[in-house]
Amino acid sequence: MSDPIHKPSDKSADKIEIVEPPLRLRRAVELAYAVEGVVGARVWQSDNIIAIGIRAAPNASPNDLLRRVAIAVASLREPEEKWEFGLLDEA
C-alpha cells in the first residue's frame, strides 16, 4: 500500500494534514506489487504526470520488470496523462 500524502495544513505551520492518495494511485501500487519480482513500489503524481518507482528482487531483470509493471497498470491510464517508470534505490 502506498504511504499517505503529508502536506502542511493551512491552519498552522506546526500541524501536518494527512491526505490519502486517490484510489487509482493506490490501485497502481497494488498492481505493481502483484508483478512477480517487485519487492517495493511507490507512486507520485504531479499535474498530468504519474511516476511509479519499483524495487526489483535480486533475481529479477530490471528492464523486464519495468515493462511488466507498465503493462500491469496500463488500464488505469487516462489519455491526457504521461506515466513514467523507474527503479528505486536500495538506500
N, C-alpha and C. Protein backbone atom coordinates (compact mmCIF):
# COMPACT_ATOMS: atom_id res chain seq x y z
N MET A 1 0.84 -1.17 0.00
CA MET A 1 0.00 0.00 0.00
C MET A 1 0.89 1.24 0.00
N SER A 2 0.49 2.29 -0.65
CA SER A 2 1.30 3.49 -0.71
C SER A 2 1.17 4.27 0.59
N ASP A 3 2.16 5.11 0.82
CA ASP A 3 2.16 5.94 2.01
C ASP A 3 1.17 7.08 1.84
N PRO A 4 0.55 7.53 2.95
CA PRO A 4 -0.32 8.70 2.85
C PRO A 4 0.50 9.92 2.42
N ILE A 5 -0.16 10.88 1.84
CA ILE A 5 0.49 12.10 1.43
C ILE A 5 0.48 13.06 2.60
N HIS A 6 1.65 13.58 2.97
CA HIS A 6 1.75 14.53 4.08
C HIS A 6 1.93 15.92 3.49
N LYS A 7 1.09 16.84 3.90
CA LYS A 7 1.26 18.20 3.43
C LYS A 7 0.95 19.17 4.57
N PRO A 8 1.60 20.33 4.57
CA PRO A 8 1.35 21.29 5.63
C PRO A 8 -0.11 21.74 5.62
N SER A 9 -0.66 21.90 6.79
CA SER A 9 -2.03 22.38 6.92
C SER A 9 -2.03 23.90 6.88
N ASP A 10 -3.09 24.49 6.33
CA ASP A 10 -3.20 25.94 6.29
C ASP A 10 -3.47 26.51 7.68
N LYS A 11 -3.95 25.68 8.59
CA LYS A 11 -4.34 26.15 9.92
C LYS A 11 -3.15 26.52 10.78
N SER A 12 -2.06 25.79 10.65
CA SER A 12 -0.90 26.05 11.48
C SER A 12 0.34 25.49 10.80
N ALA A 13 1.45 26.18 10.96
CA ALA A 13 2.69 25.70 10.37
C ALA A 13 3.21 24.48 11.11
N ASP A 14 2.72 24.25 12.34
CA ASP A 14 3.20 23.12 13.14
C ASP A 14 2.41 21.84 12.90
N LYS A 15 1.27 21.92 12.23
CA LYS A 15 0.43 20.74 12.02
C LYS A 15 0.56 20.26 10.59
N ILE A 16 0.48 18.94 10.44
CA ILE A 16 0.54 18.33 9.11
C ILE A 16 -0.76 17.59 8.88
N GLU A 17 -1.35 17.84 7.73
CA GLU A 17 -2.58 17.16 7.35
C GLU A 17 -2.21 15.92 6.55
N ILE A 18 -2.80 14.78 6.91
CA ILE A 18 -2.56 13.55 6.20
C ILE A 18 -3.70 13.31 5.21
N VAL A 19 -3.34 13.20 3.94
CA VAL A 19 -4.32 13.03 2.87
C VAL A 19 -4.05 11.68 2.21
N GLU A 20 -5.07 10.85 2.13
CA GLU A 20 -4.93 9.57 1.46
C GLU A 20 -4.82 9.79 -0.05
N PRO A 21 -3.94 9.03 -0.70
CA PRO A 21 -3.83 9.16 -2.16
C PRO A 21 -5.11 8.69 -2.84
N PRO A 22 -5.37 9.18 -4.02
CA PRO A 22 -6.57 8.75 -4.75
C PRO A 22 -6.58 7.23 -4.96
N LEU A 23 -7.77 6.68 -5.05
CA LEU A 23 -7.95 5.25 -5.21
C LEU A 23 -7.18 4.70 -6.41
N ARG A 24 -7.17 5.43 -7.48
CA ARG A 24 -6.49 4.98 -8.71
C ARG A 24 -4.98 4.83 -8.48
N LEU A 25 -4.39 5.73 -7.70
CA LEU A 25 -2.96 5.63 -7.42
C LEU A 25 -2.67 4.49 -6.45
N ARG A 26 -3.55 4.29 -5.49
CA ARG A 26 -3.39 3.13 -4.60
C ARG A 26 -3.49 1.84 -5.39
N ARG A 27 -4.40 1.80 -6.35
CA ARG A 27 -4.56 0.61 -7.19
C ARG A 27 -3.31 0.39 -8.05
N ALA A 28 -2.69 1.46 -8.51
CA ALA A 28 -1.47 1.33 -9.30
C ALA A 28 -0.37 0.66 -8.48
N VAL A 29 -0.25 1.03 -7.21
CA VAL A 29 0.75 0.40 -6.34
C VAL A 29 0.42 -1.07 -6.13
N GLU A 30 -0.85 -1.38 -5.91
CA GLU A 30 -1.27 -2.77 -5.73
C GLU A 30 -0.93 -3.60 -6.97
N LEU A 31 -1.20 -3.05 -8.14
CA LEU A 31 -0.91 -3.77 -9.39
C LEU A 31 0.60 -3.96 -9.58
N ALA A 32 1.37 -2.95 -9.20
CA ALA A 32 2.83 -3.06 -9.31
C ALA A 32 3.34 -4.18 -8.40
N TYR A 33 2.85 -4.23 -7.16
CA TYR A 33 3.27 -5.28 -6.23
C TYR A 33 2.85 -6.66 -6.71
N ALA A 34 1.81 -6.75 -7.50
CA ALA A 34 1.33 -8.04 -7.99
C ALA A 34 2.24 -8.63 -9.07
N VAL A 35 3.12 -7.81 -9.63
CA VAL A 35 4.04 -8.30 -10.65
C VAL A 35 5.17 -9.08 -9.97
N GLU A 36 5.36 -10.31 -10.40
CA GLU A 36 6.40 -11.15 -9.81
C GLU A 36 7.77 -10.50 -9.97
N GLY A 37 8.49 -10.39 -8.86
CA GLY A 37 9.82 -9.78 -8.87
C GLY A 37 9.85 -8.38 -8.28
N VAL A 38 8.68 -7.76 -8.06
CA VAL A 38 8.62 -6.44 -7.44
C VAL A 38 8.61 -6.62 -5.92
N VAL A 39 9.58 -6.01 -5.24
CA VAL A 39 9.64 -6.10 -3.79
C VAL A 39 9.38 -4.75 -3.12
N GLY A 40 9.24 -3.69 -3.91
CA GLY A 40 8.91 -2.37 -3.39
C GLY A 40 8.31 -1.52 -4.49
N ALA A 41 7.37 -0.65 -4.11
CA ALA A 41 6.75 0.23 -5.11
C ALA A 41 6.29 1.53 -4.45
N ARG A 42 6.44 2.61 -5.17
CA ARG A 42 5.97 3.93 -4.75
C ARG A 42 5.37 4.62 -5.96
N VAL A 43 4.43 5.53 -5.71
CA VAL A 43 3.81 6.27 -6.80
C VAL A 43 3.74 7.75 -6.43
N TRP A 44 3.96 8.61 -7.43
CA TRP A 44 3.89 10.05 -7.26
C TRP A 44 3.03 10.62 -8.38
N GLN A 45 2.34 11.73 -8.06
CA GLN A 45 1.56 12.42 -9.09
C GLN A 45 1.85 13.91 -9.01
N SER A 46 2.04 14.51 -10.18
CA SER A 46 2.24 15.94 -10.29
C SER A 46 1.59 16.38 -11.59
N ASP A 47 0.57 17.22 -11.47
CA ASP A 47 -0.21 17.65 -12.63
C ASP A 47 -0.68 16.43 -13.41
N ASN A 48 -0.30 16.31 -14.68
CA ASN A 48 -0.74 15.18 -15.51
C ASN A 48 0.37 14.14 -15.68
N ILE A 49 1.30 14.09 -14.72
CA ILE A 49 2.37 13.10 -14.77
C ILE A 49 2.25 12.19 -13.55
N ILE A 50 2.29 10.90 -13.81
CA ILE A 50 2.28 9.91 -12.74
C ILE A 50 3.56 9.10 -12.88
N ALA A 51 4.29 8.96 -11.79
CA ALA A 51 5.54 8.21 -11.80
C ALA A 51 5.43 7.04 -10.84
N ILE A 52 5.90 5.89 -11.29
CA ILE A 52 5.93 4.70 -10.45
C ILE A 52 7.37 4.25 -10.35
N GLY A 53 7.83 4.12 -9.11
CA GLY A 53 9.17 3.60 -8.85
C GLY A 53 9.05 2.22 -8.24
N ILE A 54 9.88 1.30 -8.70
CA ILE A 54 9.83 -0.05 -8.17
C ILE A 54 11.22 -0.48 -7.69
N ARG A 55 11.22 -1.39 -6.76
CA ARG A 55 12.44 -2.04 -6.30
C ARG A 55 12.34 -3.49 -6.75
N ALA A 56 13.36 -3.97 -7.44
CA ALA A 56 13.35 -5.31 -8.01
C ALA A 56 13.99 -6.32 -7.06
N ALA A 57 13.46 -7.53 -7.08
CA ALA A 57 14.09 -8.64 -6.36
C ALA A 57 15.46 -8.88 -6.98
N PRO A 58 16.40 -9.41 -6.20
CA PRO A 58 17.77 -9.62 -6.72
C PRO A 58 17.83 -10.49 -7.98
N ASN A 59 16.92 -11.43 -8.11
CA ASN A 59 16.96 -12.32 -9.26
C ASN A 59 16.12 -11.84 -10.44
N ALA A 60 15.56 -10.64 -10.36
CA ALA A 60 14.69 -10.12 -11.43
C ALA A 60 15.48 -9.22 -12.38
N SER A 61 15.09 -9.25 -13.64
CA SER A 61 15.67 -8.37 -14.64
C SER A 61 14.97 -7.01 -14.55
N PRO A 62 15.68 -5.95 -14.17
CA PRO A 62 15.03 -4.63 -14.00
C PRO A 62 14.29 -4.14 -15.23
N ASN A 63 14.88 -4.28 -16.42
CA ASN A 63 14.22 -3.79 -17.64
C ASN A 63 12.93 -4.55 -17.92
N ASP A 64 12.97 -5.87 -17.76
CA ASP A 64 11.77 -6.67 -17.98
C ASP A 64 10.71 -6.34 -16.94
N LEU A 65 11.15 -6.12 -15.71
CA LEU A 65 10.21 -5.79 -14.63
C LEU A 65 9.51 -4.45 -14.89
N LEU A 66 10.25 -3.46 -15.34
CA LEU A 66 9.64 -2.16 -15.66
C LEU A 66 8.60 -2.31 -16.76
N ARG A 67 8.92 -3.11 -17.76
CA ARG A 67 7.99 -3.35 -18.87
C ARG A 67 6.72 -4.03 -18.36
N ARG A 68 6.86 -5.04 -17.49
CA ARG A 68 5.70 -5.77 -17.00
C ARG A 68 4.84 -4.91 -16.06
N VAL A 69 5.46 -4.03 -15.28
CA VAL A 69 4.69 -3.12 -14.43
C VAL A 69 3.91 -2.14 -15.30
N ALA A 70 4.54 -1.61 -16.35
CA ALA A 70 3.85 -0.69 -17.27
C ALA A 70 2.63 -1.36 -17.89
N ILE A 71 2.77 -2.62 -18.25
CA ILE A 71 1.63 -3.36 -18.81
C ILE A 71 0.55 -3.57 -17.75
N ALA A 72 0.96 -3.87 -16.53
CA ALA A 72 0.00 -4.16 -15.45
C ALA A 72 -0.88 -2.96 -15.11
N VAL A 73 -0.33 -1.75 -15.21
CA VAL A 73 -1.09 -0.55 -14.83
C VAL A 73 -1.70 0.17 -16.03
N ALA A 74 -1.52 -0.36 -17.22
CA ALA A 74 -1.99 0.32 -18.44
C ALA A 74 -3.48 0.65 -18.41
N SER A 75 -4.28 -0.19 -17.79
CA SER A 75 -5.74 0.05 -17.76
C SER A 75 -6.12 1.26 -16.92
N LEU A 76 -5.22 1.75 -16.08
CA LEU A 76 -5.51 2.90 -15.21
C LEU A 76 -5.21 4.24 -15.88
N ARG A 77 -4.53 4.21 -16.98
CA ARG A 77 -4.09 5.45 -17.65
C ARG A 77 -5.25 6.22 -18.25
N GLU A 78 -5.16 7.53 -18.12
CA GLU A 78 -6.08 8.45 -18.80
C GLU A 78 -5.34 8.99 -20.03
N PRO A 79 -6.07 9.30 -21.11
CA PRO A 79 -5.41 9.71 -22.36
C PRO A 79 -4.48 10.92 -22.22
N GLU A 80 -4.81 11.88 -21.37
CA GLU A 80 -4.02 13.11 -21.28
C GLU A 80 -2.84 12.99 -20.32
N GLU A 81 -2.66 11.85 -19.69
CA GLU A 81 -1.60 11.67 -18.70
C GLU A 81 -0.33 11.10 -19.32
N LYS A 82 0.79 11.45 -18.68
CA LYS A 82 2.08 10.85 -19.02
C LYS A 82 2.49 10.00 -17.82
N TRP A 83 2.83 8.76 -18.05
CA TRP A 83 3.27 7.85 -16.99
C TRP A 83 4.75 7.56 -17.19
N GLU A 84 5.49 7.60 -16.08
CA GLU A 84 6.93 7.31 -16.12
C GLU A 84 7.22 6.19 -15.14
N PHE A 85 8.21 5.36 -15.46
CA PHE A 85 8.56 4.21 -14.64
C PHE A 85 10.06 4.21 -14.41
N GLY A 86 10.45 3.87 -13.18
CA GLY A 86 11.87 3.82 -12.87
C GLY A 86 12.13 2.90 -11.69
N LEU A 87 13.42 2.75 -11.41
CA LEU A 87 13.85 1.89 -10.31
C LEU A 87 14.16 2.72 -9.08
N LEU A 88 13.79 2.21 -7.91
CA LEU A 88 14.10 2.86 -6.63
C LEU A 88 15.48 2.42 -6.17
N ASP A 89 16.21 3.31 -5.52
CA ASP A 89 17.50 2.97 -4.95
C ASP A 89 17.30 2.05 -3.75
N GLU A 90 18.33 1.33 -3.41
CA GLU A 90 18.29 0.41 -2.26
C GLU A 90 18.38 1.14 -0.94
N ALA A 91 18.83 2.37 -0.93
CA ALA A 91 19.07 3.11 0.32
C ALA A 91 17.88 3.29 1.17
